[in-house]
Protein backbone atom coordinates (compact mmCIF):
# COMPACT_ATOMS: atom_id res chain seq x y z
CA UNK A 1 0.00 0.00 0.00
CA UNK A 2 1.26 3.49 -0.77
CA UNK A 3 2.45 5.96 1.88
CA UNK A 4 -0.20 7.92 3.77
CA UNK A 5 -1.71 8.95 7.19
CA UNK A 6 -4.51 10.61 9.38
CA UNK A 7 -5.32 12.41 12.83
CA UNK A 8 -7.51 12.50 16.09
CA UNK A 9 -6.91 15.03 18.91
CA UNK A 10 -7.88 14.72 22.49
CA UNK A 11 -10.35 17.38 21.43
CA UNK A 12 -11.55 15.34 18.48
CA UNK A 13 -15.10 15.38 19.77
CA UNK A 14 -15.23 18.83 18.16
CA UNK A 15 -15.61 17.04 14.84
CA UNK A 16 -18.72 15.01 15.61
CA UNK A 17 -21.22 17.70 14.73
CA UNK A 18 -19.84 17.98 11.23
CA UNK A 19 -20.53 14.33 10.48
CA UNK A 20 -24.19 14.75 11.25
CA UNK A 21 -24.63 17.22 8.45
CA UNK A 22 -22.26 15.86 5.82
CA UNK A 23 -22.45 16.72 2.16
CA UNK A 24 -25.50 16.00 0.09
CA UNK A 25 -23.39 15.49 -3.03
CA UNK A 26 -19.71 14.89 -3.53
CA UNK A 27 -17.90 18.04 -2.66
CA UNK A 28 -21.05 20.11 -2.20
CA UNK A 29 -20.25 23.47 -0.63
CA UNK A 30 -16.94 21.96 0.44
CA UNK A 31 -14.96 25.17 0.31
CA UNK A 32 -17.57 27.47 1.79
CA UNK A 33 -17.94 25.35 4.90
CA UNK A 34 -14.61 26.66 6.14
CA UNK A 35 -15.58 30.30 5.73
CA UNK A 36 -16.75 32.57 8.54
CA UNK A 37 -20.11 32.83 6.82
CA UNK A 38 -20.70 29.12 7.16
CA UNK A 39 -22.93 27.21 4.78
CA UNK A 40 -26.04 25.10 4.59
CA UNK A 41 -25.80 21.52 3.37
CA UNK A 42 -28.33 18.81 2.78
CA UNK A 43 -28.77 16.66 5.89
CA UNK A 44 -27.56 13.07 5.98
CA UNK A 45 -28.32 10.75 8.86
CA UNK A 46 -25.71 9.81 11.40
CA UNK A 47 -26.47 6.17 10.72
CA UNK A 48 -25.19 6.56 7.15
CA UNK A 49 -21.88 7.81 8.55
CA UNK A 50 -21.56 4.85 10.92
CA UNK A 51 -22.53 2.39 8.18
CA UNK A 52 -19.82 3.82 5.94
CA UNK A 53 -16.87 3.23 8.28
CA UNK A 54 -14.83 0.06 7.85
CA UNK A 55 -11.31 -1.19 8.40
CA UNK A 56 -8.78 -3.14 6.34
CA UNK A 57 -7.66 -6.52 7.66
CA UNK A 58 -5.30 -9.24 6.45
CA UNK A 59 -6.81 -12.33 8.02
CA UNK A 60 -4.97 -14.58 5.58
CA UNK A 61 -1.51 -13.42 6.70
CA UNK A 62 -0.73 -16.70 8.42
CA UNK A 63 2.61 -15.60 9.87
CA UNK A 64 1.18 -12.55 11.64
CA UNK A 65 -0.99 -11.67 14.61
CA UNK A 66 -4.03 -11.66 12.31
CA UNK A 67 -3.77 -15.42 12.19
CA UNK A 68 -2.23 -16.35 15.52
CA UNK A 69 -4.40 -14.19 17.79
CA UNK A 70 -7.77 -14.29 16.11
CA UNK A 71 -9.75 -15.41 19.16
CA UNK A 72 -8.23 -13.21 21.87
CA UNK A 73 -7.34 -10.03 19.91
CA UNK A 74 -8.65 -9.68 16.35
CA UNK A 75 -12.28 -10.78 16.75
CA UNK A 76 -12.95 -9.03 20.08
CA UNK A 77 -11.27 -5.80 18.94
CA UNK A 78 -13.27 -5.72 15.70
CA UNK A 79 -16.47 -6.08 17.71
CA UNK A 80 -15.33 -3.38 20.12
CA UNK A 81 -14.35 -0.96 17.36
CA UNK A 82 -17.90 -0.88 16.01
CA UNK A 83 -17.14 -0.78 12.27
CA UNK A 84 -19.76 -2.03 9.86
CA UNK A 85 -17.43 -3.95 7.58
CA UNK A 86 -13.89 -5.09 6.83
CA UNK A 87 -11.95 -5.05 3.57
CA UNK A 88 -9.96 -8.20 2.87
CA UNK A 89 -9.29 -10.86 0.25
CA UNK A 90 -10.60 -14.19 -1.07
CA UNK A 91 -8.98 -17.56 -0.37
CA UNK A 92 -10.07 -20.36 -2.70
CA UNK A 93 -8.79 -23.93 -2.60
CA UNK A 94 -5.54 -23.26 -4.44
CA UNK A 95 -4.20 -21.40 -1.43
CA UNK A 96 -2.54 -23.46 1.31
CA UNK A 97 -5.27 -25.88 2.29
CA UNK A 98 -5.89 -24.67 5.84
CA UNK A 99 -6.23 -20.98 4.99
CA UNK A 100 -9.35 -20.98 2.81
CA UNK A 101 -11.65 -22.93 5.16
CA UNK A 102 -10.29 -21.15 8.23
CA UNK A 103 -10.79 -17.67 6.78
CA UNK A 104 -14.27 -18.59 5.58
CA UNK A 105 -15.17 -19.69 9.11
CA UNK A 106 -13.77 -16.44 10.52
CA UNK A 107 -15.63 -14.31 7.99
CA UNK A 108 -18.83 -16.07 9.01
CA UNK A 109 -18.06 -15.37 12.67
CA UNK A 110 -17.83 -11.70 11.78
CA UNK A 111 -21.08 -11.92 9.88
CA UNK A 112 -22.79 -13.39 12.94
CA UNK A 113 -21.57 -10.32 14.86
CA UNK A 114 -23.04 -7.93 12.28
CA UNK A 115 -19.74 -7.14 10.53
CA UNK A 116 -19.81 -7.56 6.75
CA UNK A 117 -17.10 -7.76 4.09
CA UNK A 118 -15.85 -5.89 1.03
CA UNK A 119 -13.76 -8.57 -0.71
CA UNK A 120 -11.07 -8.09 -3.35
CA UNK A 121 -11.17 -10.39 -6.37
CA UNK A 122 -8.98 -8.52 -8.92
CA UNK A 123 -5.39 -9.18 -9.96
CA UNK A 124 -3.51 -11.00 -7.25
CA UNK A 125 -0.09 -10.18 -5.91
CA UNK A 126 2.24 -12.80 -7.43
CA UNK A 127 3.59 -13.90 -4.03
CA UNK A 128 1.19 -16.80 -3.44
CA UNK A 129 0.32 -18.29 -6.78
CA UNK A 130 -2.48 -17.69 -9.20
CA UNK A 131 -6.13 -18.58 -8.85
CA UNK A 132 -8.69 -17.73 -11.47
CA UNK A 133 -11.26 -14.98 -11.14
CA UNK A 134 -14.02 -17.59 -11.26
CA UNK A 135 -12.33 -19.49 -8.41
CA UNK A 136 -12.45 -16.38 -6.27
CA UNK A 137 -16.08 -15.57 -7.10
CA UNK A 138 -17.13 -19.19 -6.50
CA UNK A 139 -15.41 -19.08 -3.10
CA UNK A 140 -17.51 -16.04 -2.16
CA UNK A 141 -20.70 -17.60 -3.49
CA UNK A 142 -20.24 -20.94 -1.76
CA UNK A 143 -18.36 -20.07 1.42
CA UNK A 144 -19.30 -16.52 2.47
CA UNK A 145 -22.31 -15.24 0.51
CA UNK A 146 -24.03 -13.57 3.48
CA UNK A 147 -20.83 -11.96 4.75
CA UNK A 148 -19.97 -10.37 1.39
CA UNK A 149 -21.77 -7.12 0.65
CA UNK A 150 -19.47 -5.72 -2.06
CA UNK A 151 -16.85 -7.01 -4.50
CA UNK A 152 -13.77 -5.00 -5.42
CA UNK A 153 -11.45 -5.04 -8.42
CA UNK A 154 -7.65 -4.84 -8.46
CA UNK A 155 -5.76 -3.18 -5.63
CA UNK A 156 -3.16 -0.50 -6.51
CA UNK A 157 -2.32 -2.16 -9.79
CA UNK A 158 -0.25 0.85 -10.83
CA UNK A 159 2.37 -0.11 -8.22
CA UNK A 160 3.15 -3.21 -10.29
CA UNK A 161 4.19 -1.14 -13.29
CA UNK A 162 2.48 1.04 -15.87
CA UNK A 163 3.04 -0.50 -19.28
CA UNK A 164 0.24 -0.29 -21.87
CA UNK A 165 -0.19 -4.07 -21.56
CA UNK A 166 -0.81 -3.79 -17.84
CA UNK A 167 -3.32 -0.98 -18.30
CA UNK A 168 -5.24 -3.04 -20.82
CA UNK A 169 -5.06 -6.05 -18.48
CA UNK A 170 -6.58 -3.92 -15.71
CA UNK A 171 -9.42 -2.74 -17.93
CA UNK A 172 -10.15 -6.28 -19.09
CA UNK A 173 -10.11 -7.65 -15.54
CA UNK A 174 -12.48 -4.97 -14.20
CA UNK A 175 -15.02 -5.48 -16.97
CA UNK A 176 -14.82 -9.26 -16.59
CA UNK A 177 -15.46 -8.94 -12.83
CA UNK A 178 -18.49 -6.77 -13.47
CA UNK A 179 -19.92 -9.04 -16.16
CA UNK A 180 -19.47 -12.21 -14.08
CA UNK A 181 -20.93 -10.69 -10.90
CA UNK A 182 -23.94 -9.13 -12.58
CA UNK A 183 -24.75 -12.31 -14.53
CA UNK A 184 -24.69 -14.49 -11.41
CA UNK A 185 -28.05 -14.54 -9.58
CA UNK A 186 -26.36 -15.09 -6.20
CA UNK A 187 -23.90 -12.20 -6.56
CA UNK A 188 -25.73 -9.76 -8.81
CA UNK A 189 -27.05 -7.54 -6.00
CA UNK A 190 -23.54 -6.78 -4.69
CA UNK A 191 -22.03 -3.51 -5.86
CA UNK A 192 -18.81 -3.85 -7.84
CA UNK A 193 -16.06 -1.47 -6.77
CA UNK A 194 -13.55 -0.16 -9.29
CA UNK A 195 -9.77 -0.62 -9.17
CA UNK A 196 -7.68 1.61 -6.90
CA UNK A 197 -4.53 3.64 -7.54
CA UNK A 198 -1.51 3.42 -5.27
CA UNK A 199 -0.19 6.81 -6.41
CA UNK A 200 2.89 5.23 -7.93
CA UNK A 201 2.44 7.59 -10.86
CA UNK A 202 0.71 10.92 -11.15
CA UNK A 203 -2.95 10.00 -10.72
CA UNK A 204 -4.08 12.20 -13.59
CA UNK A 205 -1.80 10.18 -15.88
CA UNK A 206 -2.98 6.87 -14.42
CA UNK A 207 -6.70 7.62 -14.72
CA UNK A 208 -6.24 9.06 -18.20
CA UNK A 209 -4.47 5.89 -19.33
CA UNK A 210 -7.15 3.65 -17.82
CA UNK A 211 -9.89 5.65 -19.49
CA UNK A 212 -13.62 5.38 -18.87
CA UNK A 213 -14.56 2.31 -16.80
CA UNK A 214 -17.92 3.59 -15.61
CA UNK A 215 -19.80 0.82 -17.45
CA UNK A 216 -17.79 -1.79 -15.54
CA UNK A 217 -18.34 -0.68 -11.94
CA UNK A 218 -20.93 0.59 -9.48
CA UNK A 219 -18.61 2.60 -7.22
CA UNK A 220 -15.37 4.49 -7.81
CA UNK A 221 -12.35 3.83 -5.61
CA UNK A 222 -9.90 6.24 -3.96
CA UNK A 223 -7.01 5.67 -1.56
CA UNK A 224 -7.23 8.88 0.44
CA UNK A 225 -4.16 9.59 2.57
CA UNK A 226 -2.94 12.89 3.99
CA UNK A 227 0.70 12.10 4.70
CA UNK A 228 1.66 13.78 7.96
CA UNK A 229 -0.77 16.69 7.58
CA UNK A 230 -4.06 17.13 9.42
CA UNK A 231 -7.10 16.15 7.37
CA UNK A 232 -8.50 19.67 6.96
CA UNK A 233 -5.28 20.74 5.25
CA UNK A 234 -3.90 18.14 2.88
CA UNK A 235 -6.69 15.58 2.76
CA UNK A 236 -9.37 18.13 1.91
CA UNK A 237 -7.19 19.65 -0.80
CA UNK A 238 -6.07 16.32 -2.24
CA UNK A 239 -9.61 14.96 -2.26
CA UNK A 240 -10.69 17.81 -4.52
CA UNK A 241 -7.96 16.93 -7.01
CA UNK A 242 -8.35 13.15 -6.71
CA UNK A 243 -12.11 13.28 -7.12
CA UNK A 244 -11.77 15.38 -10.25
CA UNK A 245 -9.19 13.03 -11.74
CA UNK A 246 -11.15 9.94 -10.75
CA UNK A 247 -14.12 11.12 -12.78
CA UNK A 248 -12.07 10.32 -15.89
CA UNK A 249 -12.40 6.62 -15.05
CA UNK A 250 -15.43 6.39 -12.76
CA UNK A 251 -17.76 8.90 -14.38
CA UNK A 252 -20.46 10.13 -12.00
CA UNK A 253 -20.56 6.91 -9.95
CA UNK A 254 -20.42 7.30 -6.13
CA UNK A 255 -16.94 7.15 -4.63
CA UNK A 256 -15.52 5.02 -1.81
CA UNK A 257 -12.23 5.45 0.01
CA UNK A 258 -11.21 1.82 0.38
CA UNK A 259 -8.04 2.91 2.17
CA UNK A 260 -7.40 5.90 4.38
CA UNK A 261 -5.20 6.30 7.44
CA UNK A 262 -1.91 7.32 9.04
CA UNK A 263 1.22 5.42 9.97
CA UNK A 264 3.20 5.77 13.17
CA UNK A 265 6.89 6.10 12.37
CA UNK A 266 9.53 8.77 12.83
CA UNK A 267 10.04 9.48 9.12
CA UNK A 268 8.90 12.75 7.55
CA UNK A 269 5.51 11.41 6.49
CA UNK A 270 4.72 9.51 9.70
CA UNK A 271 2.87 10.83 12.74
CA UNK A 272 2.91 9.97 16.43
CA UNK A 273 0.28 7.70 17.90
CA UNK A 274 -1.19 10.68 19.74
CA UNK A 275 -1.46 12.71 16.52
CA UNK A 276 -3.09 9.80 14.70
CA UNK A 277 -5.53 9.61 17.57
CA UNK A 278 -6.60 13.13 16.66
CA UNK A 279 -6.49 12.91 12.88
CA UNK A 280 -8.23 9.60 12.16
CA UNK A 281 -11.77 10.58 13.27
CA UNK A 282 -11.39 13.94 11.57
CA UNK A 283 -10.36 12.21 8.35
CA UNK A 284 -13.44 10.00 8.50
CA UNK A 285 -15.54 13.14 8.96
CA UNK A 286 -13.80 14.94 6.11
CA UNK A 287 -14.42 12.04 3.74
CA UNK A 288 -18.07 11.95 4.77
CA UNK A 289 -18.42 15.71 4.38
CA UNK A 290 -17.02 15.48 0.86
CA UNK A 291 -19.56 12.84 -0.14
CA UNK A 292 -17.50 9.64 -0.03
CA UNK A 293 -19.95 6.85 0.77
CA UNK A 294 -17.44 4.66 2.60
CA UNK A 295 -14.12 5.12 4.35
CA UNK A 296 -12.11 2.00 5.18
CA UNK A 297 -9.25 2.64 7.58
CA UNK A 298 -5.88 1.06 6.86
CA UNK A 299 -5.51 -1.05 8.96
CA UNK A 300 -6.69 -2.83 12.12
CA UNK A 301 -3.36 -3.87 13.69
CA UNK A 302 0.35 -3.26 13.16
CA UNK A 303 2.14 -6.12 11.44
CA UNK A 304 5.22 -5.24 13.50
CA UNK A 305 5.05 -2.22 15.79
CA UNK A 306 8.24 -0.16 15.68
CA UNK A 307 9.61 -1.79 12.53
CA UNK A 308 11.43 0.38 9.99
CA UNK A 309 8.96 -0.53 7.25
CA UNK A 310 6.12 1.97 6.97
CA UNK A 311 3.67 -0.75 5.91
CA UNK A 312 4.10 -2.48 9.29
CA UNK A 313 2.88 0.50 11.35
CA UNK A 314 -0.53 1.54 10.00
CA UNK A 315 -2.52 -0.22 12.69
CA UNK A 316 -5.16 1.11 15.06
CA UNK A 317 -3.75 -1.52 17.43
CA UNK A 318 -0.16 -2.36 18.33
CA UNK A 319 1.10 -5.83 17.45
CA UNK A 320 0.54 -7.01 21.02
CA UNK A 321 -3.15 -6.10 20.72
CA UNK A 322 -3.08 -2.99 22.90
CA UNK A 323 -5.12 -0.03 21.70
CA UNK A 324 -3.55 3.03 20.16
CA UNK A 325 -5.27 6.41 20.68
CA UNK A 326 -6.65 6.15 17.12
CA UNK A 327 -8.52 2.96 17.99
CA UNK A 328 -10.07 4.46 21.10
CA UNK A 329 -11.08 7.69 19.39
CA UNK A 330 -12.60 5.89 16.39
CA UNK A 331 -14.50 3.52 18.67
CA UNK A 332 -15.85 6.43 20.70
CA UNK A 333 -16.74 8.43 17.61
CA UNK A 334 -18.81 5.60 16.18
CA UNK A 335 -20.51 5.08 19.53
CA UNK A 336 -21.34 8.78 19.98
CA UNK A 337 -22.86 9.40 16.55
CA UNK A 338 -24.94 6.27 16.18
CA UNK A 339 -28.42 7.30 15.11
CA UNK A 340 -30.51 4.85 17.08
CA UNK A 341 -30.41 6.53 20.49
CA UNK A 342 -29.18 9.63 22.23
CA UNK A 343 -25.51 9.38 23.10
CA UNK A 344 -23.01 11.39 25.01
CA UNK A 345 -19.30 11.22 25.61
CA UNK A 346 -15.91 12.19 24.35
CA UNK A 347 -13.60 10.97 21.64
CA UNK A 348 -10.68 11.32 24.03
CA UNK A 349 -8.14 8.54 23.86
CA UNK A 350 -6.90 6.64 26.87
CA UNK A 351 -3.75 8.73 26.88
CA UNK A 352 -5.61 12.04 26.88
CA UNK A 353 -5.27 14.19 29.97
CA UNK A 354 -8.23 16.39 28.98
CA UNK A 355 -11.38 15.03 27.44
CA UNK A 356 -13.95 17.48 26.07
CA UNK A 357 -17.53 16.65 26.96
CA UNK A 358 -20.43 16.94 24.59
CA UNK A 359 -23.75 15.44 23.70
CA UNK A 360 -25.46 14.69 20.44
CA UNK A 361 -29.21 14.56 20.89
CA UNK A 362 -31.10 12.45 18.39
CA UNK A 363 -32.83 14.88 16.03
CA UNK A 364 -36.59 15.35 16.40
CA UNK A 365 -38.65 13.02 14.25
CA UNK A 366 -41.38 13.82 11.79
CA UNK A 367 -44.79 12.75 13.11
CA UNK A 368 -45.74 11.80 9.57
CA UNK A 369 -42.71 9.74 8.53
CA UNK A 370 -41.03 8.95 11.84
CA UNK A 371 -37.69 10.02 10.33
CA UNK A 372 -35.17 12.29 11.94
CA UNK A 373 -35.87 15.84 10.84
CA UNK A 374 -33.02 18.02 12.05
CA UNK A 375 -29.24 17.87 12.09
CA UNK A 376 -26.88 20.55 13.32
CA UNK A 377 -23.18 21.25 13.22
CA UNK A 378 -20.68 23.98 13.67
CA UNK A 379 -19.39 25.20 10.32
CA UNK A 380 -16.48 27.59 10.80
CA UNK A 381 -12.81 26.90 10.42
CA UNK A 382 -12.15 24.40 13.17
CA UNK A 383 -14.95 22.03 14.03
CA UNK A 384 -16.56 22.29 17.45
CA UNK A 385 -18.59 19.68 19.27
CA UNK A 386 -21.79 21.42 20.36
CA UNK A 387 -24.71 20.44 22.54
CA UNK A 388 -28.04 20.69 20.77
CA UNK A 389 -31.55 20.96 22.20
CA UNK A 390 -34.98 22.03 20.99
CA UNK A 391 -37.11 25.07 21.61
CA UNK A 392 -40.69 25.67 20.62
CA UNK A 393 -40.07 28.30 18.01
CA UNK A 394 -37.26 26.99 15.80
CA UNK A 395 -37.03 23.43 17.09
CA UNK A 396 -33.30 24.01 17.59
CA UNK A 397 -31.20 25.56 20.30
CA UNK A 398 -27.45 25.86 20.45
CA UNK A 399 -25.49 25.87 23.67
CA UNK A 400 -21.88 26.63 24.33
CA UNK A 401 -19.46 23.71 24.37
CA UNK A 402 -19.09 22.33 27.86
CA UNK A 403 -15.31 22.72 27.82
CA UNK A 404 -12.52 24.55 26.07
CA UNK A 405 -12.39 24.19 22.28
CA UNK A 406 -9.69 24.76 19.69
CA UNK A 407 -11.47 27.39 17.60
CA UNK A 408 -14.30 29.79 18.28
CA UNK A 409 -17.06 29.43 15.71
CA UNK A 410 -18.84 32.53 14.55
CA UNK A 411 -21.98 30.60 13.68
CA UNK A 412 -23.26 27.14 13.01
CA UNK A 413 -25.79 25.74 10.59
CA UNK A 414 -28.85 23.64 11.27
CA UNK A 415 -30.59 21.95 8.39
CA UNK A 416 -34.20 21.31 9.25
CA UNK A 417 -36.61 19.11 7.34
CA UNK A 418 -40.20 19.60 8.47
CA UNK A 419 -42.65 16.87 7.44
CA UNK A 420 -43.94 18.79 4.39
CA UNK A 421 -41.01 21.04 3.60
CA UNK A 422 -37.41 20.65 2.52
CA UNK A 423 -36.45 24.19 3.49
CA UNK A 424 -33.37 24.85 5.56
CA UNK A 425 -33.31 27.00 8.67
CA UNK A 426 -30.11 28.77 9.51
CA UNK A 427 -29.61 29.80 13.10
CA UNK A 428 -26.76 32.08 14.17
CA UNK A 429 -24.61 30.75 16.97
CA UNK A 430 -23.08 32.71 19.80
CA UNK A 431 -19.30 32.91 19.63
CA UNK A 432 -17.54 32.81 22.91
């Protein structure tokens, strides 16, 4: 996987309000939302944010903690994290005999816990030996049909080289995946995700060479990393560019970020565990705000904490299974913004000395439809976690944050959907 990273501060709860509003369309009002004037965006439910967060795993890495500590670390931590799905591979019979059946059983354990899978079936890394595309699809259909909710093409194929032959091979593979999935009555309902770029070349060149693949996929695919910068700086800027370039291959199809995250090393592009604890939830929020339907963090656990190799240090967990601040903050974020009940709490990590308090009240529901009708968020430069309540006149009331915040918002925006109206109500906030 290519080099990248993300953040979560002890004050990361400030970001939660932003997720509740989100962007109605990809990139809608993205720039204006950082202005002092604020902006109004179409409401999206908190449940859609939670449903869009996943994590990458490598359950088939038989020489790593993914394999050796499934029962006491991997499975319980995935349940604790609260993600809706994992991204991983397929393991038909041609793999070492024990791996395929074991991984299938583990996928089905996840499914029983409510965790689903986005499974890769595209070009394989040449390290294990080839299996056919039909082998991989049959393995899904026979072994893990209920677990699998989406099927993805080739992963970062540009990192294997960029010859014209390879580009044509990628196009052929993606269209074959789409045709086979959509013609199979068992698999046809699963969305097919396009191939991803590993940024080995300039993405505009890569997407231009691939050309239009929109007839061979249901969702576009980005690997959205911010290096060592906070999400509001580099990630927001790079998403604008990447989304524009990706349209050359994905057309107007919805976009997923099948990888996003930060790594914890001392090199120029790495960040500390504490910084990642701040950036990761904010990156998830930024992706959601920009209209990405899913964000899949890379990855669950370090392959070797403290190793020189960047790829070994992307985990939300250390190799021994202990939680990094990013794990704790992501877990708390998902818990706080779930749409089913009122929730309160902080995103503070276990290492945080100060933990900002805040509450998200479930928006009022329409008596006609029973659906949530109002979502609020702060919308200035710096995101603040606000308390929200209702009053008789506007249905919305803002209160000051319960503790110190990083930035002082000049106003916030509430998007209100009455039962018979789609109008938006904008309520000025009171800066401190």
